PDB file of N, CA and C in Angstrom:
ATOM      1  N   MET A   1      13.491  11.217 -31.526  1.00  0.00           N
ATOM      2  CA  MET A   1      14.216  10.804 -30.365  1.00  0.00           C
ATOM      3  C   MET A   1      13.239  10.667 -29.188  1.00  0.00           C
ATOM      4  N   VAL A   2      13.270   9.557 -28.540  1.00  0.00           N
ATOM      5  CA  VAL A   2      12.383   9.291 -27.426  1.00  0.00           C
ATOM      6  C   VAL A   2      12.982   9.885 -26.159  1.00  0.00           C
ATOM      7  N   THR A   3      12.164  10.661 -25.444  1.00  0.00           N
ATOM      8  CA  THR A   3      12.637  11.256 -24.207  1.00  0.00           C
ATOM      9  C   THR A   3      12.410  10.285 -23.042  1.00  0.00           C
ATOM     10  N   VAL A   4      12.953  10.658 -21.901  1.00  0.00           N
ATOM     11  CA  VAL A   4      12.816   9.814 -20.709  1.00  0.00           C
ATOM     12  C   VAL A   4      11.352   9.722 -20.289  1.00  0.00           C
ATOM     13  N   ARG A   5      10.644  10.815 -20.378  1.00  0.00           N
ATOM     14  CA  ARG A   5       9.223  10.823 -19.968  1.00  0.00           C
ATOM     15  C   ARG A   5       8.382   9.988 -20.912  1.00  0.00           C
ATOM     16  N   GLN A   6       8.674  10.041 -22.223  1.00  0.00           N
ATOM     17  CA  GLN A   6       7.945   9.206 -23.167  1.00  0.00           C
ATOM     18  C   GLN A   6       8.213   7.732 -22.900  1.00  0.00           C
ATOM     19  N   ARG A   7       9.463   7.408 -22.650  1.00  0.00           N
ATOM     20  CA  ARG A   7       9.824   6.016 -22.348  1.00  0.00           C
ATOM     21  C   ARG A   7       9.125   5.551 -21.067  1.00  0.00           C
ATOM     22  N   ARG A   8       9.065   6.409 -20.078  1.00  0.00           N
ATOM     23  CA  ARG A   8       8.414   6.063 -18.822  1.00  0.00           C
ATOM     24  C   ARG A   8       6.924   5.787 -19.042  1.00  0.00           C
ATOM     25  N   LEU A   9       6.278   6.602 -19.868  1.00  0.00           N
ATOM     26  CA  LEU A   9       4.865   6.402 -20.166  1.00  0.00           C
ATOM     27  C   LEU A   9       4.649   5.083 -20.914  1.00  0.00           C
ATOM     28  N   LEU A  10       5.464   4.831 -21.922  1.00  0.00           N
ATOM     29  CA  LEU A  10       5.312   3.602 -22.702  1.00  0.00           C
ATOM     30  C   LEU A  10       5.606   2.354 -21.881  1.00  0.00           C
ATOM     31  N   LEU A  11       6.644   2.394 -21.052  1.00  0.00           N
ATOM     32  CA  LEU A  11       6.945   1.238 -20.223  1.00  0.00           C
ATOM     33  C   LEU A  11       5.886   1.019 -19.156  1.00  0.00           C
ATOM     34  N   GLY A  12       5.352   2.096 -18.611  1.00  0.00           N
ATOM     35  CA  GLY A  12       4.263   1.966 -17.641  1.00  0.00           C
ATOM     36  C   GLY A  12       3.022   1.335 -18.267  1.00  0.00           C
ATOM     37  N   GLN A  13       2.689   1.760 -19.484  1.00  0.00           N
ATOM     38  CA  GLN A  13       1.538   1.191 -20.184  1.00  0.00           C
ATOM     39  C   GLN A  13       1.788  -0.275 -20.519  1.00  0.00           C
ATOM     40  N   LEU A  14       2.970  -0.588 -20.995  1.00  0.00           N
ATOM     41  CA  LEU A  14       3.299  -1.962 -21.335  1.00  0.00           C
ATOM     42  C   LEU A  14       3.254  -2.864 -20.102  1.00  0.00           C
ATOM     43  N   PHE A  15       3.882  -2.425 -19.024  1.00  0.00           N
ATOM     44  CA  PHE A  15       3.896  -3.209 -17.797  1.00  0.00           C
ATOM     45  C   PHE A  15       2.476  -3.383 -17.236  1.00  0.00           C
ATOM     46  N   GLY A  16       1.703  -2.323 -17.232  1.00  0.00           N
ATOM     47  CA  GLY A  16       0.327  -2.399 -16.731  1.00  0.00           C
ATOM     48  C   GLY A  16      -0.534  -3.330 -17.559  1.00  0.00           C
ATOM     49  N   SER A  17      -0.385  -3.282 -18.883  1.00  0.00           N
ATOM     50  CA  SER A  17      -1.155  -4.162 -19.749  1.00  0.00           C
ATOM     51  C   SER A  17      -0.761  -5.611 -19.565  1.00  0.00           C
ATOM     52  N   LEU A  18       0.524  -5.853 -19.365  1.00  0.00           N
ATOM     53  CA  LEU A  18       0.976  -7.226 -19.118  1.00  0.00           C
ATOM     54  C   LEU A  18       0.473  -7.749 -17.776  1.00  0.00           C
ATOM     55  N   VAL A  19       0.424  -6.884 -16.783  1.00  0.00           N
ATOM     56  CA  VAL A  19      -0.108  -7.288 -15.468  1.00  0.00           C
ATOM     57  C   VAL A  19      -1.594  -7.608 -15.584  1.00  0.00           C
ATOM     58  N   VAL A  20      -2.335  -6.776 -16.317  1.00  0.00           N
ATOM     59  CA  VAL A  20      -3.761  -7.024 -16.531  1.00  0.00           C
ATOM     60  C   VAL A  20      -3.953  -8.356 -17.250  1.00  0.00           C
ATOM     61  N   LEU A  21      -3.132  -8.616 -18.272  1.00  0.00           N
ATOM     62  CA  LEU A  21      -3.223  -9.880 -19.009  1.00  0.00           C
ATOM     63  C   LEU A  21      -2.930 -11.067 -18.105  1.00  0.00           C
ATOM     64  N   ALA A  22      -1.908 -10.951 -17.269  1.00  0.00           N
ATOM     65  CA  ALA A  22      -1.555 -12.042 -16.365  1.00  0.00           C
ATOM     66  C   ALA A  22      -2.639 -12.297 -15.329  1.00  0.00           C
ATOM     67  N   VAL A  23      -3.213 -11.222 -14.789  1.00  0.00           N
ATOM     68  CA  VAL A  23      -4.265 -11.389 -13.775  1.00  0.00           C
ATOM     69  C   VAL A  23      -5.508 -12.020 -14.394  1.00  0.00           C
ATOM     70  N   LEU A  24      -5.892 -11.552 -15.584  1.00  0.00           N
ATOM     71  CA  LEU A  24      -7.066 -12.122 -16.239  1.00  0.00           C
ATOM     72  C   LEU A  24      -6.842 -13.591 -16.610  1.00  0.00           C
ATOM     73  N   ALA A  25      -5.632 -13.905 -17.068  1.00  0.00           N
ATOM     74  CA  ALA A  25      -5.342 -15.292 -17.430  1.00  0.00           C
ATOM     75  C   ALA A  25      -5.291 -16.200 -16.197  1.00  0.00           C
ATOM     76  N   SER A  26      -4.765 -15.693 -15.108  1.00  0.00           N
ATOM     77  CA  SER A  26      -4.653 -16.526 -13.903  1.00  0.00           C
ATOM     78  C   SER A  26      -6.003 -16.727 -13.218  1.00  0.00           C
ATOM     79  N   THR A  27      -6.927 -15.815 -13.400  1.00  0.00           N
ATOM     80  CA  THR A  27      -8.257 -15.983 -12.809  1.00  0.00           C
ATOM     81  C   THR A  27      -9.241 -16.633 -13.780  1.00  0.00           C
ATOM     82  N   ASP A  28      -8.742 -17.052 -14.938  1.00  0.00           N
ATOM     83  CA  ASP A  28      -9.530 -17.740 -15.962  1.00  0.00           C
ATOM     84  C   ASP A  28     -10.726 -16.896 -16.421  1.00  0.00           C
ATOM     85  N   SER A  29     -10.523 -15.592 -16.513  1.00  0.00           N
ATOM     86  CA  SER A  29     -11.571 -14.698 -17.002  1.00  0.00           C
ATOM     87  C   SER A  29     -11.048 -13.835 -18.149  1.00  0.00           C
ATOM     88  N   LEU A  30     -10.217 -14.428 -18.963  1.00  0.00           N
ATOM     89  CA  LEU A  30      -9.602 -13.699 -20.067  1.00  0.00           C
ATOM     90  C   LEU A  30     -10.629 -13.496 -21.182  1.00  0.00           C
ATOM     91  N   ALA A  31     -10.973 -12.260 -21.424  1.00  0.00           N
ATOM     92  CA  ALA A  31     -11.885 -11.884 -22.479  1.00  0.00           C
ATOM     93  C   ALA A  31     -11.375 -10.571 -23.080  1.00  0.00           C
ATOM     94  N   LEU A  32     -11.609 -10.411 -24.372  1.00  0.00           N
ATOM     95  CA  LEU A  32     -11.074  -9.231 -25.065  1.00  0.00           C
ATOM     96  C   LEU A  32     -11.655  -7.940 -24.499  1.00  0.00           C
ATOM     97  N   ASP A  33     -12.945  -7.924 -24.223  1.00  0.00           N
ATOM     98  CA  ASP A  33     -13.558  -6.693 -23.732  1.00  0.00           C
ATOM     99  C   ASP A  33     -13.050  -6.323 -22.337  1.00  0.00           C
ATOM    100  N   LEU A  34     -12.832  -7.304 -21.483  1.00  0.00           N
ATOM    101  CA  LEU A  34     -12.265  -7.010 -20.172  1.00  0.00           C
ATOM    102  C   LEU A  34     -10.823  -6.509 -20.296  1.00  0.00           C
ATOM    103  N   TYR A  35     -10.065  -7.133 -21.175  1.00  0.00           N
ATOM    104  CA  TYR A  35      -8.670  -6.722 -21.346  1.00  0.00           C
ATOM    105  C   TYR A  35      -8.582  -5.296 -21.889  1.00  0.00           C
ATOM    106  N   VAL A  36      -9.400  -4.964 -22.874  1.00  0.00           N
ATOM    107  CA  VAL A  36      -9.377  -3.611 -23.458  1.00  0.00           C
ATOM    108  C   VAL A  36      -9.815  -2.589 -22.417  1.00  0.00           C
ATOM    109  N   SER A  37     -10.861  -2.915 -21.657  1.00  0.00           N
ATOM    110  CA  SER A  37     -11.365  -1.979 -20.645  1.00  0.00           C
ATOM    111  C   SER A  37     -10.319  -1.726 -19.556  1.00  0.00           C
ATOM    112  N   LEU A  38      -9.721  -2.798 -19.051  1.00  0.00           N
ATOM    113  CA  LEU A  38      -8.738  -2.620 -17.983  1.00  0.00           C
ATOM    114  C   LEU A  38      -7.457  -1.990 -18.502  1.00  0.00           C
ATOM    115  N   SER A  39      -7.071  -2.275 -19.722  1.00  0.00           N
ATOM    116  CA  SER A  39      -5.878  -1.627 -20.292  1.00  0.00           C
ATOM    117  C   SER A  39      -6.112  -0.139 -20.493  1.00  0.00           C
ATOM    118  N   PHE A  40      -7.343   0.227 -20.824  1.00  0.00           N
ATOM    119  CA  PHE A  40      -7.667   1.649 -20.949  1.00  0.00           C
ATOM    120  C   PHE A  40      -7.593   2.347 -19.602  1.00  0.00           C
ATOM    121  N   VAL A  41      -8.053   1.682 -18.560  1.00  0.00           N
ATOM    122  CA  VAL A  41      -7.941   2.250 -17.216  1.00  0.00           C
ATOM    123  C   VAL A  41      -6.472   2.396 -16.834  1.00  0.00           C
ATOM    124  N   VAL A  42      -5.649   1.413 -17.187  1.00  0.00           N
ATOM    125  CA  VAL A  42      -4.206   1.516 -16.942  1.00  0.00           C
ATOM    126  C   VAL A  42      -3.621   2.702 -17.683  1.00  0.00           C
ATOM    127  N   LEU A  43      -4.042   2.904 -18.940  1.00  0.00           N
ATOM    128  CA  LEU A  43      -3.542   4.053 -19.700  1.00  0.00           C
ATOM    129  C   LEU A  43      -3.907   5.372 -19.026  1.00  0.00           C
ATOM    130  N   LEU A  44      -5.135   5.475 -18.527  1.00  0.00           N
ATOM    131  CA  LEU A  44      -5.535   6.690 -17.833  1.00  0.00           C
ATOM    132  C   LEU A  44      -4.702   6.929 -16.563  1.00  0.00           C
ATOM    133  N   VAL A  45      -4.469   5.864 -15.805  1.00  0.00           N
ATOM    134  CA  VAL A  45      -3.703   5.987 -14.561  1.00  0.00           C
ATOM    135  C   VAL A  45      -2.245   6.350 -14.863  1.00  0.00           C
ATOM    136  N   VAL A  46      -1.658   5.679 -15.836  1.00  0.00           N
ATOM    137  CA  VAL A  46      -0.252   5.962 -16.192  1.00  0.00           C
ATOM    138  C   VAL A  46      -0.119   7.378 -16.725  1.00  0.00           C
ATOM    139  N   THR A  47      -1.075   7.819 -17.534  1.00  0.00           N
ATOM    140  CA  THR A  47      -1.027   9.185 -18.045  1.00  0.00           C
ATOM    141  C   THR A  47      -1.107  10.201 -16.921  1.00  0.00           C
ATOM    142  N   ALA A  48      -1.971   9.948 -15.947  1.00  0.00           N
ATOM    143  CA  ALA A  48      -2.100  10.876 -14.824  1.00  0.00           C
ATOM    144  C   ALA A  48      -0.862  10.863 -13.939  1.00  0.00           C
ATOM    145  N   LEU A  49      -0.278   9.694 -13.735  1.00  0.00           N
ATOM    146  CA  LEU A  49       0.891   9.609 -12.843  1.00  0.00           C
ATOM    147  C   LEU A  49       2.171  10.134 -13.470  1.00  0.00           C
ATOM    148  N   THR A  50       2.268  10.132 -14.788  1.00  0.00           N
ATOM    149  CA  THR A  50       3.499  10.596 -15.435  1.00  0.00           C
ATOM    150  C   THR A  50       3.356  12.008 -16.009  1.00  0.00           C
ATOM    151  N   ALA A  51       2.301  12.703 -15.680  1.00  0.00           N
ATOM    152  CA  ALA A  51       2.078  14.045 -16.216  1.00  0.00           C
ATOM    153  C   ALA A  51       3.093  15.029 -15.625  1.00  0.00           C
ATOM    154  N   PRO A  52       3.714  15.853 -16.475  1.00  0.00           N
ATOM    155  CA  PRO A  52       4.615  16.873 -15.952  1.00  0.00           C
ATOM    156  C   PRO A  52       3.839  17.930 -15.171  1.00  0.00           C
ATOM    157  N   VAL A  53       4.520  18.543 -14.235  1.00  0.00           N
ATOM    158  CA  VAL A  53       3.849  19.454 -13.327  1.00  0.00           C
ATOM    159  C   VAL A  53       3.649  20.848 -13.948  1.00  0.00           C
ATOM    160  N   HIS A  54       4.683  21.404 -14.545  1.00  0.00           N
ATOM    161  CA  HIS A  54       4.629  22.810 -14.957  1.00  0.00           C
ATOM    162  C   HIS A  54       4.473  23.023 -16.453  1.00  0.00           C
ATOM    163  N   VAL A  55       4.944  22.135 -17.280  1.00  0.00           N
ATOM    164  CA  VAL A  55       4.863  22.339 -18.719  1.00  0.00           C
ATOM    165  C   VAL A  55       4.135  21.159 -19.351  1.00  0.00           C
ATOM    166  N   ARG A  56       3.601  21.408 -20.521  1.00  0.00           N
ATOM    167  CA  ARG A  56       2.960  20.348 -21.285  1.00  0.00           C
ATOM    168  C   ARG A  56       3.657  20.227 -22.635  1.00  0.00           C
ATOM    169  N   PRO A  57       4.479  19.191 -22.798  1.00  0.00           N
ATOM    170  CA  PRO A  57       5.175  19.013 -24.073  1.00  0.00           C
ATOM    171  C   PRO A  57       4.190  18.699 -25.205  1.00  0.00           C
ATOM    172  N   ALA A  58       4.661  18.879 -26.443  1.00  0.00           N
ATOM    173  CA  ALA A  58       3.799  18.670 -27.608  1.00  0.00           C
ATOM    174  C   ALA A  58       3.329  17.209 -27.700  1.00  0.00           C
ATOM    175  N   TRP A  59       4.181  16.278 -27.324  1.00  0.00           N
ATOM    176  CA  TRP A  59       3.786  14.875 -27.420  1.00  0.00           C
ATOM    177  C   TRP A  59       2.686  14.532 -26.430  1.00  0.00           C
ATOM    178  N   ARG A  60       2.590  15.273 -25.322  1.00  0.00           N
ATOM    179  CA  ARG A  60       1.500  15.038 -24.362  1.00  0.00           C
ATOM    180  C   ARG A  60       0.181  15.523 -24.933  1.00  0.00           C
ATOM    181  N   ARG A  61       0.219  16.604 -25.689  1.00  0.00           N
ATOM    182  CA  ARG A  61      -1.020  17.095 -26.311  1.00  0.00           C
ATOM    183  C   ARG A  61      -1.519  16.104 -27.361  1.00  0.00           C
ATOM    184  N   ARG A  62      -0.601  15.442 -28.047  1.00  0.00           N
ATOM    185  CA  ARG A  62      -1.007  14.448 -29.056  1.00  0.00           C
ATOM    186  C   ARG A  62      -1.536  13.179 -28.421  1.00  0.00           C
ATOM    187  N   LEU A  63      -1.337  13.001 -27.152  1.00  0.00           N
ATOM    188  CA  LEU A  63      -1.827  11.826 -26.434  1.00  0.00           C
ATOM    189  C   LEU A  63      -3.331  11.864 -26.234  1.00  0.00           C
ATOM    190  N   ARG A  64      -3.925  13.032 -26.441  1.00  0.00           N
ATOM    191  CA  ARG A  64      -5.385  13.152 -26.275  1.00  0.00           C
ATOM    192  C   ARG A  64      -6.159  12.321 -27.290  1.00  0.00           C
ATOM    193  N   VAL A  65      -5.628  12.192 -28.511  1.00  0.00           N
ATOM    194  CA  VAL A  65      -6.332  11.457 -29.562  1.00  0.00           C
ATOM    195  C   VAL A  65      -6.509   9.981 -29.166  1.00  0.00           C
ATOM    196  N   PRO A  66      -5.444   9.262 -28.750  1.00  0.00           N
ATOM    197  CA  PRO A  66      -5.672   7.876 -28.306  1.00  0.00           C
ATOM    198  C   PRO A  66      -6.559   7.780 -27.054  1.00  0.00           C
ATOM    199  N   LEU A  67      -6.471   8.777 -26.187  1.00  0.00           N
ATOM    200  CA  LEU A  67      -7.328   8.750 -24.990  1.00  0.00           C
ATOM    201  C   LEU A  67      -8.801   8.896 -25.361  1.00  0.00           C
ATOM    202  N   TYR A  68      -9.105   9.796 -26.286  1.00  0.00           N
ATOM    203  CA  TYR A  68     -10.491   9.952 -26.721  1.00  0.00           C
ATOM    204  C   TYR A  68     -10.971   8.712 -27.471  1.00  0.00           C
ATOM    205  N   GLY A  69     -10.116   8.168 -28.317  1.00  0.00           N
ATOM    206  CA  GLY A  69     -10.470   6.942 -29.029  1.00  0.00           C
ATOM    207  C   GLY A  69     -10.708   5.791 -28.071  1.00  0.00           C
ATOM    208  N   GLY A  70      -9.857   5.679 -27.062  1.00  0.00           N
ATOM    209  CA  GLY A  70     -10.036   4.638 -26.060  1.00  0.00           C
ATOM    210  C   GLY A  70     -11.298   4.834 -25.262  1.00  0.00           C
ATOM    211  N   ALA A  71     -11.654   6.079 -24.988  1.00  0.00           N
ATOM    212  CA  ALA A  71     -12.901   6.348 -24.259  1.00  0.00           C
ATOM    213  C   ALA A  71     -14.109   5.923 -25.074  1.00  0.00           C
ATOM    214  N   VAL A  72     -14.068   6.152 -26.369  1.00  0.00           N
ATOM    215  CA  VAL A  72     -15.181   5.736 -27.237  1.00  0.00           C
ATOM    216  C   VAL A  72     -15.305   4.218 -27.254  1.00  0.00           C
ATOM    217  N   VAL A  73     -14.180   3.528 -27.417  1.00  0.00           N
ATOM    218  CA  VAL A  73     -14.202   2.066 -27.422  1.00  0.00           C
ATOM    219  C   VAL A  73     -14.653   1.537 -26.069  1.00  0.00           C
ATOM    220  N   PHE A  74     -14.180   2.141 -24.992  1.00  0.00           N
ATOM    221  CA  PHE A  74     -14.564   1.740 -23.647  1.00  0.00           C
ATOM    222  C   PHE A  74     -16.071   1.874 -23.445  1.00  0.00           C
ATOM    223  N   LEU A  75     -16.632   3.004 -23.849  1.00  0.00           N
ATOM    224  CA  LEU A  75     -18.070   3.207 -23.706  1.00  0.00           C
ATOM    225  C   LEU A  75     -18.861   2.257 -24.587  1.00  0.00           C
ATOM    226  N   ALA A  76     -18.346   1.959 -25.788  1.00  0.00           N
ATOM    227  CA  ALA A  76     -19.035   1.004 -26.664  1.00  0.00           C
ATOM    228  C   ALA A  76     -19.042  -0.388 -26.037  1.00  0.00           C
ATOM    229  N   LEU A  77     -17.910  -0.797 -25.450  1.00  0.00           N
ATOM    230  CA  LEU A  77     -17.859  -2.103 -24.800  1.00  0.00           C
ATOM    231  C   LEU A  77     -18.785  -2.183 -23.593  1.00  0.00           C
ATOM    232  N   ILE A  78     -18.823  -1.120 -22.811  1.00  0.00           N
ATOM    233  CA  ILE A  78     -19.719  -1.094 -21.657  1.00  0.00           C
ATOM    234  C   ILE A  78     -21.184  -1.126 -22.112  1.00  0.00           C
ATOM    235  N   GLY A  79     -21.499  -0.379 -23.149  1.00  0.00           N
ATOM    236  CA  GLY A  79     -22.860  -0.399 -23.690  1.00  0.00           C
ATOM    237  C   GLY A  79     -23.235  -1.756 -24.232  1.00  0.00           C
ATOM    238  N   TYR A  80     -22.314  -2.412 -24.943  1.00  0.00           N
ATOM    239  CA  TYR A  80     -22.561  -3.739 -25.470  1.00  0.00           C
ATOM    240  C   TYR A  80     -22.805  -4.744 -24.356  1.00  0.00           C
ATOM    241  N   ARG A  81     -21.970  -4.694 -23.320  1.00  0.00           N
ATOM    242  CA  ARG A  81     -22.135  -5.596 -22.173  1.00  0.00           C
ATOM    243  C   ARG A  81     -23.465  -5.349 -21.470  1.00  0.00           C
ATOM    244  N   THR A  82     -23.858  -4.090 -21.338  1.00  0.00           N
ATOM    245  CA  THR A  82     -25.110  -3.760 -20.669  1.00  0.00           C
ATOM    246  C   THR A  82     -26.300  -4.275 -21.459  1.00  0.00           C
ATOM    247  N   VAL A  83     -26.285  -4.052 -22.774  1.00  0.00           N
ATOM    248  CA  VAL A  83     -27.389  -4.543 -23.621  1.00  0.00           C
ATOM    249  C   VAL A  83     -27.429  -6.057 -23.599  1.00  0.00           C
ATOM    250  N   GLN A  84     -26.272  -6.695 -23.657  1.00  0.00           N
ATOM    251  CA  GLN A  84     -26.209  -8.147 -23.627  1.00  0.00           C
ATOM    252  C   GLN A  84     -26.774  -8.689 -22.323  1.00  0.00           C
ATOM    253  N   THR A  85     -26.446  -8.070 -21.208  1.00  0.00           N
ATOM    254  CA  THR A  85     -26.956  -8.495 -19.918  1.00  0.00           C
ATOM    255  C   THR A  85     -28.461  -8.277 -19.807  1.00  0.00           C
ATOM    256  N   LEU A  86     -28.937  -7.163 -20.306  1.00  0.00           N
ATOM    257  CA  LEU A  86     -30.374  -6.866 -20.233  1.00  0.00           C
ATOM    258  C   LEU A  86     -31.163  -7.826 -21.108  1.00  0.00           C
ATOM    259  N   LEU A  87     -30.672  -8.152 -22.283  1.00  0.00           N
ATOM    260  CA  LEU A  87     -31.385  -9.056 -23.182  1.00  0.00           C
ATOM    261  C   LEU A  87     -31.426 -10.488 -22.677  1.00  0.00           C
ATOM    262  N   THR A  88     -30.359 -10.901 -22.000  1.00  0.00           N
ATOM    263  CA  THR A  88     -30.366 -12.278 -21.503  1.00  0.00           C
ATOM    264  C   THR A  88     -31.155 -12.430 -20.200  1.00  0.00           C
ATOM    265  N   SER A  89     -31.443 -11.317 -19.544  1.00  0.00           N
ATOM    266  CA  SER A  89     -32.200 -11.410 -18.291  1.00  0.00           C
ATOM    267  C   SER A  89     -33.705 -11.542 -18.535  1.00  0.00           C
ATOM    268  N   PHE A  90     -34.160 -11.212 -19.734  1.00  0.00           N
ATOM    269  CA  PHE A  90     -35.607 -11.305 -20.020  1.00  0.00           C
ATOM    270  C   PHE A  90     -35.942 -12.571 -20.706  1.00  0.00           C
TER     271      PHE A  90
END
């Protein structure tokens, strides 16, 4: 059963990702690495904004796994972009 807080987190992530997609498409800079990076930032912001104050439900503890996975992918994309930029500058 989905709780109100879980639904709020999922809808916030969905809305934020759609906004990121719309902004990238409207500025003609739609790229997979930018979309993944900005969607991960949206996930971090939504997670921080919807965090309960006094208790930590079990489903919030399980949210750490996607956050860590997203951090690894985010760092890999940033590293790839950095190496790509350095190689093309020489």
